Amino acid sequence: MEFIKRFEPLWLALVVIGGLNWALIGLFDRNVLSDIFGSGTATDVVYTVIGFAALMLVPALMERSQLNSHMPRTRKA
């Protein structure tokens, strides 16, 4: 768990880069990662690393949203 927390800023930056790339693809049909790395194996590796970064953020997201606790949340009056 310490490994995940230590590299959380890196994972977040990679996920943001991937999200911005997908936004550019959807809005302008422009794939910046393919423009930078070409359409070969390097782009596939970059997409895999971004996907891995998203998976590494899942535990932090669950912890922050309290999805991993079995106790109901207490409501403040």
C-alpha atoms as a PDB file:
ATOM      1  CA  MET A   1       0.000   0.000   0.000  1.00  0.00           C
ATOM      2  CA  GLU A   2       2.926   2.317   0.657  1.00  0.00           C
ATOM      3  CA  PHE A   3       4.060   1.884  -2.965  1.00  0.00           C
ATOM      4  CA  ILE A   4       0.680   3.044  -4.225  1.00  0.00           C
ATOM      5  CA  LYS A   5       0.591   6.093  -1.948  1.00  0.00           C
ATOM      6  CA  ARG A   6       4.159   7.101  -2.743  1.00  0.00           C
ATOM      7  CA  PHE A   7       3.559   7.179  -6.480  1.00  0.00           C
ATOM      8  CA  GLU A   8       0.004   8.539  -6.346  1.00  0.00           C
ATOM      9  CA  PRO A   9       0.948  11.931  -7.863  1.00  0.00           C
ATOM     10  CA  LEU A  10       2.584  10.136 -10.791  1.00  0.00           C
ATOM     11  CA  TRP A  11      -0.442   7.875 -11.316  1.00  0.00           C
ATOM     12  CA  LEU A  12      -2.727  10.906 -11.185  1.00  0.00           C
ATOM     13  CA  ALA A  13      -0.630  12.834 -13.707  1.00  0.00           C
ATOM     14  CA  LEU A  14      -0.668   9.876 -16.121  1.00  0.00           C
ATOM     15  CA  VAL A  15      -4.436   9.470 -15.794  1.00  0.00           C
ATOM     16  CA  VAL A  16      -4.952  13.193 -16.432  1.00  0.00           C
ATOM     17  CA  ILE A  17      -2.734  13.009 -19.528  1.00  0.00           C
ATOM     18  CA  GLY A  18      -4.720  10.019 -20.773  1.00  0.00           C
ATOM     19  CA  GLY A  19      -8.018  11.750 -20.069  1.00  0.00           C
ATOM     20  CA  LEU A  20      -6.938  14.893 -21.892  1.00  0.00           C
ATOM     21  CA  ASN A  21      -5.828  12.790 -24.846  1.00  0.00           C
ATOM     22  CA  TRP A  22      -9.232  11.059 -24.971  1.00  0.00           C
ATOM     23  CA  ALA A  23     -10.947  14.454 -24.767  1.00  0.00           C
ATOM     24  CA  LEU A  24      -8.909  15.664 -27.739  1.00  0.00           C
ATOM     25  CA  ILE A  25      -9.776  12.499 -29.655  1.00  0.00           C
ATOM     26  CA  GLY A  26     -13.475  12.952 -28.953  1.00  0.00           C
ATOM     27  CA  LEU A  27     -13.643  16.678 -29.635  1.00  0.00           C
ATOM     28  CA  PHE A  28     -11.167  17.223 -32.437  1.00  0.00           C
ATOM     29  CA  ASP A  29     -10.301  13.733 -33.733  1.00  0.00           C
ATOM     30  CA  ARG A  30      -6.688  14.442 -32.769  1.00  0.00           C
ATOM     31  CA  ASN A  31      -4.593  11.787 -30.994  1.00  0.00           C
ATOM     32  CA  VAL A  32      -1.650  13.599 -29.446  1.00  0.00           C
ATOM     33  CA  LEU A  33      -0.012  10.407 -28.161  1.00  0.00           C
ATOM     34  CA  SER A  34       0.000   8.924 -31.661  1.00  0.00           C
ATOM     35  CA  ASP A  35       1.412  12.192 -32.987  1.00  0.00           C
ATOM     36  CA  ILE A  36       4.262  12.012 -30.460  1.00  0.00           C
ATOM     37  CA  PHE A  37       5.017   8.270 -30.403  1.00  0.00           C
ATOM     38  CA  GLY A  38       3.736   7.159 -33.812  1.00  0.00           C
ATOM     39  CA  SER A  39       1.250   4.357 -34.321  1.00  0.00           C
ATOM     40  CA  GLY A  40       3.435   1.452 -33.265  1.00  0.00           C
ATOM     41  CA  THR A  41       4.429  -0.382 -30.147  1.00  0.00           C
ATOM     42  CA  ALA A  42       5.533   2.744 -28.276  1.00  0.00           C
ATOM     43  CA  THR A  43       1.987   4.121 -28.299  1.00  0.00           C
ATOM     44  CA  ASP A  44       0.668   0.770 -27.089  1.00  0.00           C
ATOM     45  CA  VAL A  45       3.147   0.828 -24.212  1.00  0.00           C
ATOM     46  CA  VAL A  46       2.129   4.376 -23.266  1.00  0.00           C
ATOM     47  CA  TYR A  47      -1.564   3.430 -23.277  1.00  0.00           C
ATOM     48  CA  THR A  48      -0.757   0.371 -21.141  1.00  0.00           C
ATOM     49  CA  VAL A  49       1.146   2.492 -18.618  1.00  0.00           C
ATOM     50  CA  ILE A  50      -1.755   4.960 -18.440  1.00  0.00           C
ATOM     51  CA  GLY A  51      -4.201   2.098 -17.914  1.00  0.00           C
ATOM     52  CA  PHE A  52      -1.968   0.675 -15.177  1.00  0.00           C
ATOM     53  CA  ALA A  53      -1.880   4.107 -13.527  1.00  0.00           C
ATOM     54  CA  ALA A  54      -5.672   4.196 -13.514  1.00  0.00           C
ATOM     55  CA  LEU A  55      -5.772   0.780 -11.844  1.00  0.00           C
ATOM     56  CA  MET A  56      -3.268   1.940  -9.229  1.00  0.00           C
ATOM     57  CA  LEU A  57      -5.595   4.820  -8.292  1.00  0.00           C
ATOM     58  CA  VAL A  58      -8.595   2.545  -7.639  1.00  0.00           C
ATOM     59  CA  PRO A  59      -7.663   1.751  -3.998  1.00  0.00           C
ATOM     60  CA  ALA A  60      -7.169   5.438  -3.214  1.00  0.00           C
ATOM     61  CA  LEU A  61     -10.507   6.264  -4.816  1.00  0.00           C
ATOM     62  CA  MET A  62     -12.238   3.541  -2.827  1.00  0.00           C
ATOM     63  CA  GLU A  63     -10.608   4.741   0.382  1.00  0.00           C
ATOM     64  CA  ARG A  64     -11.639   8.331  -0.206  1.00  0.00           C
ATOM     65  CA  SER A  65     -15.216   7.445  -1.138  1.00  0.00           C
ATOM     66  CA  GLN A  66     -15.448   4.903   1.698  1.00  0.00           C
ATOM     67  CA  LEU A  67     -16.570   2.126  -0.648  1.00  0.00           C
ATOM     68  CA  ASN A  68     -14.302  -0.363   1.066  1.00  0.00           C
ATOM     69  CA  SER A  69     -15.905  -0.041   4.503  1.00  0.00           C
ATOM     70  CA  HIS A  70     -18.780  -2.285   5.482  1.00  0.00           C
ATOM     71  CA  MET A  71     -20.122   0.076   8.122  1.00  0.00           C
ATOM     72  CA  PRO A  72     -22.769   2.606   7.082  1.00  0.00           C
ATOM     73  CA  ARG A  73     -21.720   6.225   7.054  1.00  0.00           C
ATOM     74  CA  THR A  74     -22.849   8.360   9.919  1.00  0.00           C
ATOM     75  CA  ARG A  75     -24.846  11.405   8.984  1.00  0.00           C
ATOM     76  CA  LYS A  76     -24.212  14.725  10.615  1.00  0.00           C
ATOM     77  CA  ALA A  77     -27.279  16.602  11.737  1.00  0.00           C
END
